[in-house]
Amino acid sequence: MFKGTRMAGRMGNDRVTVLNLLVHKVDAENGVLLIKGAVPGRTGGLVMVRSAIKRGEK
């Protein structure tokens, strides 16, 4: 292994959007959202949750 050798792996600090996740339960008392599915990012990181912006098919 040589210093500076290019290898496969993480590409950097990119924003990722994940669609079709279900908010299963909201616990306002503890400030917790239970989401069904995989949420990208590290444990304890900030997550932005918003309503769907993609329209369904006509």
N, C-alpha and C. Protein backbone atom coordinates (compact mmCIF):
# COMPACT_ATOMS: atom_id res chain seq x y z
N MET A 1 0.85 -1.18 0.00
CA MET A 1 0.00 0.00 0.00
C MET A 1 0.89 1.24 0.00
N PHE A 2 0.70 2.09 -0.98
CA PHE A 2 1.47 3.32 -1.08
C PHE A 2 0.60 4.51 -0.73
N LYS A 3 1.17 5.50 -0.10
CA LYS A 3 0.44 6.70 0.27
C LYS A 3 -0.08 7.40 -0.98
N GLY A 4 -1.38 7.77 -0.96
CA GLY A 4 -1.98 8.46 -2.09
C GLY A 4 -2.54 7.55 -3.17
N THR A 5 -2.49 6.24 -2.96
CA THR A 5 -3.02 5.30 -3.94
C THR A 5 -4.53 5.43 -4.02
N ARG A 6 -5.06 5.57 -5.22
CA ARG A 6 -6.51 5.70 -5.40
C ARG A 6 -7.17 4.33 -5.25
N MET A 7 -8.24 4.33 -4.43
CA MET A 7 -8.95 3.08 -4.21
C MET A 7 -10.45 3.36 -4.19
N ALA A 8 -11.22 2.30 -4.36
CA ALA A 8 -12.67 2.44 -4.30
C ALA A 8 -13.08 2.78 -2.88
N GLY A 9 -14.24 3.44 -2.75
CA GLY A 9 -14.72 3.76 -1.40
C GLY A 9 -15.63 4.96 -1.40
N ARG A 10 -15.67 5.62 -0.28
CA ARG A 10 -16.57 6.74 -0.05
C ARG A 10 -16.21 7.90 -0.96
N MET A 11 -17.26 8.57 -1.50
CA MET A 11 -17.04 9.64 -2.46
C MET A 11 -17.07 11.03 -1.84
N GLY A 12 -17.44 11.17 -0.57
CA GLY A 12 -17.43 12.48 0.04
C GLY A 12 -18.72 12.82 0.74
N ASN A 13 -18.86 14.09 1.07
CA ASN A 13 -20.00 14.58 1.83
C ASN A 13 -21.12 14.97 0.88
N ASP A 14 -21.90 13.99 0.43
CA ASP A 14 -22.98 14.23 -0.52
C ASP A 14 -24.32 14.16 0.17
N ARG A 15 -25.26 14.98 -0.28
CA ARG A 15 -26.63 14.91 0.22
C ARG A 15 -27.35 13.79 -0.52
N VAL A 16 -28.06 12.96 0.21
CA VAL A 16 -28.74 11.81 -0.36
C VAL A 16 -30.23 11.93 -0.10
N THR A 17 -31.04 11.69 -1.13
CA THR A 17 -32.49 11.70 -0.99
C THR A 17 -33.00 10.27 -1.14
N VAL A 18 -33.80 9.85 -0.17
CA VAL A 18 -34.37 8.51 -0.20
C VAL A 18 -35.88 8.66 -0.29
N LEU A 19 -36.49 7.97 -1.26
CA LEU A 19 -37.93 8.07 -1.47
C LEU A 19 -38.64 6.85 -0.90
N ASN A 20 -39.94 6.99 -0.71
CA ASN A 20 -40.84 5.90 -0.32
C ASN A 20 -40.53 5.29 1.05
N LEU A 21 -40.15 6.12 2.01
CA LEU A 21 -40.00 5.64 3.38
C LEU A 21 -41.28 5.97 4.14
N LEU A 22 -41.66 5.11 5.05
CA LEU A 22 -42.90 5.26 5.80
C LEU A 22 -42.59 5.71 7.22
N VAL A 23 -43.20 6.84 7.64
CA VAL A 23 -43.09 7.27 9.03
C VAL A 23 -44.09 6.44 9.82
N HIS A 24 -43.57 5.53 10.62
CA HIS A 24 -44.41 4.56 11.33
C HIS A 24 -45.04 5.16 12.58
N LYS A 25 -44.27 5.95 13.33
CA LYS A 25 -44.77 6.50 14.58
C LYS A 25 -43.99 7.77 14.91
N VAL A 26 -44.67 8.74 15.54
CA VAL A 26 -44.04 9.98 15.98
C VAL A 26 -44.15 10.04 17.50
N ASP A 27 -43.01 10.14 18.18
CA ASP A 27 -42.99 10.28 19.63
C ASP A 27 -42.49 11.69 19.95
N ALA A 28 -43.44 12.64 20.07
CA ALA A 28 -43.08 14.04 20.29
C ALA A 28 -42.47 14.25 21.67
N GLU A 29 -42.86 13.44 22.63
CA GLU A 29 -42.36 13.59 23.99
C GLU A 29 -40.86 13.35 24.07
N ASN A 30 -40.37 12.36 23.35
CA ASN A 30 -38.94 12.04 23.33
C ASN A 30 -38.22 12.59 22.11
N GLY A 31 -38.95 13.20 21.17
CA GLY A 31 -38.33 13.74 19.95
C GLY A 31 -37.82 12.66 19.03
N VAL A 32 -38.63 11.60 18.84
CA VAL A 32 -38.19 10.45 18.06
C VAL A 32 -39.18 10.16 16.94
N LEU A 33 -38.66 9.88 15.74
CA LEU A 33 -39.46 9.40 14.62
C LEU A 33 -39.10 7.95 14.37
N LEU A 34 -40.09 7.09 14.23
CA LEU A 34 -39.84 5.71 13.85
C LEU A 34 -40.12 5.59 12.36
N ILE A 35 -39.07 5.31 11.58
CA ILE A 35 -39.17 5.27 10.13
C ILE A 35 -38.89 3.86 9.66
N LYS A 36 -39.76 3.34 8.80
CA LYS A 36 -39.58 2.00 8.26
C LYS A 36 -38.71 2.10 7.01
N GLY A 37 -37.54 1.50 7.06
CA GLY A 37 -36.62 1.52 5.93
C GLY A 37 -35.25 2.02 6.36
N ALA A 38 -34.33 2.02 5.43
CA ALA A 38 -32.95 2.42 5.70
C ALA A 38 -32.80 3.93 5.55
N VAL A 39 -32.23 4.56 6.57
CA VAL A 39 -31.98 5.99 6.55
C VAL A 39 -30.47 6.18 6.44
N PRO A 40 -29.99 6.87 5.39
CA PRO A 40 -28.55 7.03 5.23
C PRO A 40 -27.97 8.01 6.25
N GLY A 41 -26.70 7.85 6.53
CA GLY A 41 -26.03 8.77 7.45
C GLY A 41 -25.56 8.06 8.70
N ARG A 42 -24.80 8.80 9.50
CA ARG A 42 -24.26 8.20 10.71
C ARG A 42 -25.27 8.25 11.84
N THR A 43 -25.05 7.46 12.85
CA THR A 43 -25.91 7.44 14.02
C THR A 43 -25.80 8.78 14.74
N GLY A 44 -26.93 9.38 15.04
CA GLY A 44 -26.94 10.68 15.71
C GLY A 44 -26.84 11.85 14.76
N GLY A 45 -26.80 11.61 13.45
CA GLY A 45 -26.71 12.68 12.48
C GLY A 45 -28.05 13.37 12.27
N LEU A 46 -28.03 14.51 11.60
CA LEU A 46 -29.25 15.25 11.32
C LEU A 46 -29.93 14.69 10.07
N VAL A 47 -31.25 14.58 10.14
CA VAL A 47 -32.04 14.07 9.03
C VAL A 47 -33.16 15.05 8.74
N MET A 48 -33.35 15.41 7.47
CA MET A 48 -34.45 16.28 7.07
C MET A 48 -35.58 15.40 6.55
N VAL A 49 -36.75 15.52 7.17
CA VAL A 49 -37.92 14.75 6.75
C VAL A 49 -38.93 15.72 6.18
N ARG A 50 -39.39 15.45 4.97
CA ARG A 50 -40.39 16.32 4.35
C ARG A 50 -41.36 15.47 3.54
N SER A 51 -42.48 16.08 3.18
CA SER A 51 -43.47 15.34 2.41
C SER A 51 -42.94 15.11 1.00
N ALA A 52 -43.59 14.19 0.30
CA ALA A 52 -43.13 13.80 -1.03
C ALA A 52 -43.20 14.99 -1.99
N ILE A 53 -42.15 15.15 -2.79
CA ILE A 53 -42.14 16.21 -3.79
C ILE A 53 -42.34 15.64 -5.19
N LYS A 54 -42.30 14.33 -5.29
CA LYS A 54 -42.45 13.68 -6.58
C LYS A 54 -43.92 13.34 -6.80
N ARG A 55 -44.45 13.70 -7.95
CA ARG A 55 -45.85 13.42 -8.25
C ARG A 55 -46.02 12.01 -8.76
N GLY A 56 -47.17 11.44 -8.49
CA GLY A 56 -47.48 10.11 -9.00
C GLY A 56 -47.81 10.17 -10.48
N GLU A 57 -47.92 9.00 -11.10
CA GLU A 57 -48.25 8.95 -12.52
C GLU A 57 -49.70 9.34 -12.73
N LYS A 58 -49.98 9.95 -13.88
CA LYS A 58 -51.34 10.39 -14.18
C LYS A 58 -52.18 9.26 -14.70
